[in-house]
Protein backbone atom coordinates (compact mmCIF):
# COMPACT_ATOMS: atom_id res chain seq x y z
CA UNK A 1 -3.06 -15.76 -16.82
CA UNK A 2 -1.56 -18.51 -14.69
CA UNK A 3 -3.45 -20.28 -11.91
CA UNK A 4 -1.45 -18.49 -9.22
CA UNK A 5 -2.43 -15.12 -10.70
CA UNK A 6 -6.10 -16.14 -10.57
CA UNK A 7 -6.05 -16.11 -6.78
CA UNK A 8 -5.39 -12.37 -6.67
CA UNK A 9 -8.94 -11.14 -7.43
CA UNK A 10 -10.39 -13.84 -5.17
CA UNK A 11 -8.24 -12.74 -2.21
CA UNK A 12 -9.01 -9.09 -3.00
CA UNK A 13 -12.77 -9.68 -2.76
CA UNK A 14 -12.45 -11.80 0.39
CA UNK A 15 -10.28 -9.24 2.21
CA UNK A 16 -12.45 -6.30 1.12
CA UNK A 17 -15.63 -8.07 2.25
CA UNK A 18 -14.08 -9.18 5.56
CA UNK A 19 -12.82 -5.70 6.41
CA UNK A 20 -16.15 -4.12 5.44
CA UNK A 21 -17.93 -6.49 7.78
CA UNK A 22 -15.48 -5.98 10.66
CA UNK A 23 -15.49 -2.19 10.43
CA UNK A 24 -19.29 -2.24 10.39
CA UNK A 25 -19.44 -4.46 13.48
CA UNK A 26 -16.46 -3.00 15.37
CA UNK A 27 -15.88 0.60 14.20
CA UNK A 28 -13.04 2.62 15.66
CA UNK A 29 -14.59 5.96 14.59
CA UNK A 30 -18.16 6.95 13.83
CA UNK A 31 -18.80 7.31 10.08
CA UNK A 32 -20.21 10.49 8.58
CA UNK A 33 -23.58 10.25 6.84
CA UNK A 34 -22.06 10.93 3.41
CA UNK A 35 -19.24 8.44 3.84
CA UNK A 36 -20.74 6.35 1.04
CA UNK A 37 -19.70 9.08 -1.44
CA UNK A 38 -16.05 8.65 -0.49
CA UNK A 39 -16.27 4.87 -0.49
CA UNK A 40 -17.78 4.99 -3.98
CA UNK A 41 -15.03 7.35 -5.13
CA UNK A 42 -12.32 5.09 -3.71
CA UNK A 43 -13.78 2.08 -5.51
CA UNK A 44 -14.06 4.23 -8.65
CA UNK A 45 -10.38 5.19 -8.58
CA UNK A 46 -9.19 1.61 -8.12
CA UNK A 47 -11.30 0.50 -11.10
CA UNK A 48 -9.84 3.39 -13.12
CA UNK A 49 -6.30 2.45 -12.03
CA UNK A 50 -6.84 -1.17 -13.03
CA UNK A 51 -7.67 0.01 -16.54
CA UNK A 52 -4.45 2.04 -16.54
CA UNK A 53 -2.44 -1.01 -15.44
CA UNK A 54 -3.86 -3.01 -18.36
CA UNK A 55 -2.36 -0.40 -20.71
CA UNK A 56 1.12 -0.49 -19.18
CA UNK A 57 3.75 -2.14 -21.43
CA UNK A 58 5.19 -4.23 -18.59
CA UNK A 59 4.32 -5.09 -15.01
CA UNK A 60 6.37 -6.71 -12.20
CA UNK A 61 5.08 -10.28 -12.73
CA UNK A 62 5.83 -10.17 -16.46
CA UNK A 63 9.26 -8.73 -15.71
CA UNK A 64 9.96 -11.50 -13.23
CA UNK A 65 8.96 -14.23 -15.71
CA UNK A 66 11.12 -12.56 -18.38
CA UNK A 67 14.07 -12.42 -15.95
CA UNK A 68 13.78 -16.12 -15.12
CA UNK A 69 13.59 -17.08 -18.81
CA UNK A 70 16.60 -14.95 -19.78
CA UNK A 71 18.68 -15.27 -16.58
CA UNK A 72 18.51 -11.56 -15.80
CA UNK A 73 19.07 -10.28 -12.30
CA UNK A 74 21.15 -11.30 -9.30
CA UNK A 75 19.06 -14.21 -8.03
CA UNK A 76 18.62 -15.77 -11.47
CA UNK A 77 22.38 -15.62 -12.03
CA UNK A 78 22.97 -17.29 -8.68
CA UNK A 79 20.45 -20.04 -9.36
CA UNK A 80 21.74 -20.77 -12.87
CA UNK A 81 25.47 -20.08 -12.91
CA UNK A 82 26.50 -21.06 -9.39
CA UNK A 83 24.36 -24.21 -9.28
CA UNK A 84 22.36 -23.15 -6.24
CA UNK A 85 19.13 -24.54 -7.59
CA UNK A 86 17.78 -26.56 -4.66
CA UNK A 87 14.57 -26.23 -2.66
CA UNK A 88 16.11 -24.59 0.44
CA UNK A 89 18.00 -21.96 -1.54
CA UNK A 90 15.00 -21.32 -3.80
CA UNK A 91 12.77 -20.79 -0.75
CA UNK A 92 15.29 -18.38 0.78
CA UNK A 93 15.48 -16.45 -2.49
CA UNK A 94 11.68 -16.20 -2.68
CA UNK A 95 11.53 -14.88 0.90
CA UNK A 96 14.42 -12.47 0.30
CA UNK A 97 12.67 -11.15 -2.81
CA UNK A 98 9.55 -10.36 -0.80
CA UNK A 99 11.65 -8.54 1.83
CA UNK A 100 13.48 -6.50 -0.83
CA UNK A 101 10.21 -5.40 -2.44
CA UNK A 102 8.82 -4.51 0.99
CA UNK A 103 11.81 -2.30 1.83
CA UNK A 104 11.70 -0.65 -1.60
CA UNK A 105 8.03 0.28 -1.12
CA UNK A 106 8.82 1.62 2.36
CA UNK A 107 11.43 3.98 0.90
CA UNK A 108 9.18 4.81 -2.05
CA UNK A 109 6.55 5.92 0.45
CA UNK A 110 9.07 8.11 2.26
CA UNK A 111 10.17 9.63 -1.05
CA UNK A 112 6.58 10.48 -1.98
CA UNK A 113 6.35 12.44 1.27
CA UNK A 114 9.64 14.30 0.81
CA UNK A 115 9.64 15.39 -2.86
CA UNK A 116 7.15 18.17 -3.54
CA UNK A 117 5.79 16.92 -6.89
CA UNK A 118 5.51 13.36 -5.62
CA UNK A 119 3.77 14.57 -2.46
CA UNK A 120 1.18 16.40 -4.57
CA UNK A 121 0.36 13.10 -6.25
CA UNK A 122 0.38 11.15 -3.00
CA UNK A 123 -1.69 13.78 -1.17
CA UNK A 124 -4.74 12.50 -3.08
CA UNK A 125 -4.45 9.45 -0.84
CA UNK A 126 -4.30 11.62 2.29
CA UNK A 127 -7.26 13.92 1.59
CA UNK A 128 -9.76 11.19 2.39
CA UNK A 129 -11.20 12.78 5.55
CA UNK A 130 -12.07 9.47 7.23
CA UNK A 131 -10.31 6.16 6.74
CA UNK A 132 -12.01 2.88 5.93
CA UNK A 133 -11.04 -0.24 3.99
CA UNK A 134 -11.60 1.49 0.63
CA UNK A 135 -9.05 4.19 1.54
CA UNK A 136 -6.34 1.58 1.02
CA UNK A 137 -7.27 1.55 -2.68
CA UNK A 138 -7.13 5.32 -3.15
CA UNK A 139 -4.01 6.29 -5.14
CA UNK A 140 -3.48 8.64 -8.03
CA UNK A 141 -2.93 6.83 -11.36
CA UNK A 142 0.38 8.62 -11.93
CA UNK A 143 1.57 7.38 -8.55
CA UNK A 144 0.47 3.86 -9.53
CA UNK A 145 2.45 4.12 -12.80
CA UNK A 146 5.59 5.41 -11.05
CA UNK A 147 5.34 2.71 -8.39
CA UNK A 148 4.87 0.06 -11.08
CA UNK A 149 8.08 1.01 -12.85
CA UNK A 150 10.03 1.19 -9.59
CA UNK A 151 8.91 -2.36 -8.82
CA UNK A 152 9.76 -3.44 -12.38
CA UNK A 153 13.27 -2.00 -11.99
CA UNK A 154 13.71 -3.74 -8.62
CA UNK A 155 12.50 -7.06 -10.02
CA UNK A 156 14.83 -6.98 -13.04
CA UNK A 157 17.93 -5.85 -11.08
CA UNK A 158 17.58 -8.46 -8.34
CA UNK A 159 16.00 -11.16 -10.47
CA UNK A 160 13.11 -11.45 -8.03
CA UNK A 161 11.15 -14.64 -8.62
CA UNK A 162 7.54 -14.74 -9.92
CA UNK A 163 6.30 -16.37 -6.70
CA UNK A 164 7.86 -13.54 -4.66
CA UNK A 165 6.11 -10.97 -6.84
CA UNK A 166 2.70 -12.63 -6.56
CA UNK A 167 2.95 -13.07 -2.78
CA UNK A 168 4.14 -9.48 -2.36
CA UNK A 169 1.46 -7.95 -4.59
CA UNK A 170 -1.31 -9.89 -2.84
CA UNK A 171 0.11 -8.91 0.57
CA UNK A 172 0.53 -5.26 -0.46
CA UNK A 173 -3.07 -5.01 -1.58
CA UNK A 174 -4.56 -7.01 1.29
CA UNK A 175 -2.62 -5.35 4.09
CA UNK A 176 -3.24 -1.88 2.66
CA UNK A 177 -6.97 -2.56 2.89
CA UNK A 178 -6.60 -3.97 6.40
CA UNK A 179 -4.50 -1.18 7.88
CA UNK A 180 -6.72 1.53 6.41
CA UNK A 181 -9.83 -0.14 7.80
CA UNK A 182 -11.94 1.55 10.45
CA UNK A 183 -11.65 -1.48 12.73
CA UNK A 184 -11.30 -1.27 16.51
CA UNK A 185 -9.11 -4.11 17.74
CA UNK A 186 -9.12 -5.26 21.36
CA UNK A 187 -6.24 -3.50 23.15
CA UNK A 188 -4.62 -6.75 24.33
CA UNK A 189 -4.69 -8.18 20.80
CA UNK A 190 -3.57 -4.85 19.38
CA UNK A 191 -0.50 -4.73 21.64
CA UNK A 192 0.60 -8.12 20.33
CA UNK A 193 -0.42 -7.67 16.70
CA UNK A 194 1.28 -4.29 16.20
CA UNK A 195 4.66 -5.87 16.93
CA UNK A 196 4.46 -7.87 13.71
CA UNK A 197 1.92 -6.02 11.53
CA UNK A 198 0.93 -2.46 10.73
CA UNK A 199 -2.50 -2.30 12.34
CA UNK A 200 -5.27 0.22 11.59
CA UNK A 201 -4.44 2.08 14.81
CA UNK A 202 -0.78 2.46 13.79
CA UNK A 203 -1.53 3.49 10.22
CA UNK A 204 -4.24 5.98 11.17
CA UNK A 205 -1.50 8.00 12.89
CA UNK A 206 0.19 8.31 9.49
CA UNK A 207 -3.00 9.98 8.18
CA UNK A 208 -3.08 12.56 10.97
CA UNK A 209 -3.09 16.26 10.07
CA UNK A 210 -0.15 16.69 12.46
CA UNK A 211 2.86 16.85 10.11
CA UNK A 212 5.24 14.98 12.43
CA UNK A 213 2.77 12.10 12.60
CA UNK A 214 2.09 12.17 8.85
CA UNK A 215 5.82 11.81 8.26
CA UNK A 216 6.01 8.57 10.22
CA UNK A 217 4.69 4.98 10.04
CA UNK A 218 5.49 4.59 6.34
CA UNK A 219 5.37 0.79 6.33
CA UNK A 220 2.39 -1.04 4.87
CA UNK A 221 3.07 -4.53 6.22
CA UNK A 222 5.45 -4.76 9.18
CA UNK A 223 6.54 -1.97 11.57
CA UNK A 224 10.16 -3.12 11.55
CA UNK A 225 11.44 -0.79 8.82
CA UNK A 226 9.94 2.23 10.61
CA UNK A 227 11.54 1.06 13.84
CA UNK A 228 14.89 0.44 12.14
CA UNK A 229 14.97 3.77 10.30
CA UNK A 230 13.55 5.84 13.19
CA UNK A 231 10.20 6.74 11.59
CA UNK A 232 7.96 4.79 13.96
CA UNK A 233 5.25 6.54 15.99
CA UNK A 234 3.41 3.97 18.13
CA UNK A 235 1.06 6.47 19.81
CA UNK A 236 -0.30 9.70 18.36
CA UNK A 237 -1.22 12.94 20.11
CA UNK A 238 -4.92 12.05 19.98
CA UNK A 239 -6.68 8.76 20.55
CA UNK A 240 -8.18 6.85 17.63
CA UNK A 241 -11.65 8.33 18.03
CA UNK A 242 -10.34 11.90 17.82
CA UNK A 243 -7.48 11.87 15.31
CA UNK A 244 -7.92 14.65 12.75
CA UNK A 245 -7.48 12.85 9.45
CA UNK A 246 -6.43 14.62 6.25
CA UNK A 247 -4.02 17.34 5.14
CA UNK A 248 -3.50 21.00 5.96
CA UNK A 249 -5.12 22.64 4.09
CA UNK A 250 -7.83 20.31 2.79
CA UNK A 251 -9.06 20.90 -0.79
CA UNK A 252 -12.68 21.55 -1.68
CA UNK A 253 -14.92 18.52 -1.33
CA UNK A 254 -15.34 18.16 -5.11
CA UNK A 255 -11.59 17.48 -5.34
CA UNK A 256 -11.80 14.85 -2.60
CA UNK A 257 -14.23 12.78 -4.66
CA UNK A 258 -14.00 11.00 -8.01
CA UNK A 259 -13.39 12.28 -10.68
CA UNK A 260 -12.24 15.61 -9.17
CA UNK A 261 -9.55 13.75 -7.20
CA UNK A 262 -7.70 13.14 -10.48
CA UNK A 263 -6.93 16.84 -10.90
CA UNK A 264 -6.52 17.60 -7.17
CA UNK A 265 -2.68 17.37 -7.24
CA UNK A 266 -2.59 20.09 -9.90
CA UNK A 267 -4.79 22.70 -8.24
CA UNK A 268 -3.80 25.31 -5.67
CA UNK A 269 -5.52 25.06 -2.33
CA UNK A 270 -7.04 28.31 -1.12
């Protein structure tokens, strides 16, 4: 593991701890007494998914390093064959790679809401009845595997650079935890921040039981793709304290918690 990869677990712990502290001090919604069960389940699924990732034959960072070594992908061809290898161009390519990955994940998210089988997998993320920082870690392992290979394909086609991949993966993980957090942000700060970042207030709308709201606010980082592609909902029907979070219908509680959540996509709701 390279030094730059070593920062990932450090940032993960720092962001998780910071969001836990902030949502404890400045909660947007009152937590249920048994919320700890869901938080434990969400931590459990991310640990399980990390074991799955270790078993995957290839991941985006490895793919990126392979592409650089073998001159695979658009950006690597440009850098090598057209003699564009200077610091300004390299920086622009790194930034462009991050943007491409961000847009791909935006459309992946939309796809997981539109295709029935994919929605069943993704619904495991949505059946958490109350959001907090750990909800940003709650994804079905099959969804993680499919997302991994989509990112691998994107990286190899475009020749996205290793630094782009690391920055993107750290941002994806960190911002997912932040925008799922149960943090109440001052309204004046919120009105500025939500122009450049997906805030908890914006993303909570995506977890509403109202279908029109669920099928909006797909971005995980910036709201610009939702704005551009007409899927942005800045204000929901209910205020933050009263949004009904989850799906219709909701499965039995045993399927909302680990390990029952693993089979939830394959059961029929009553």
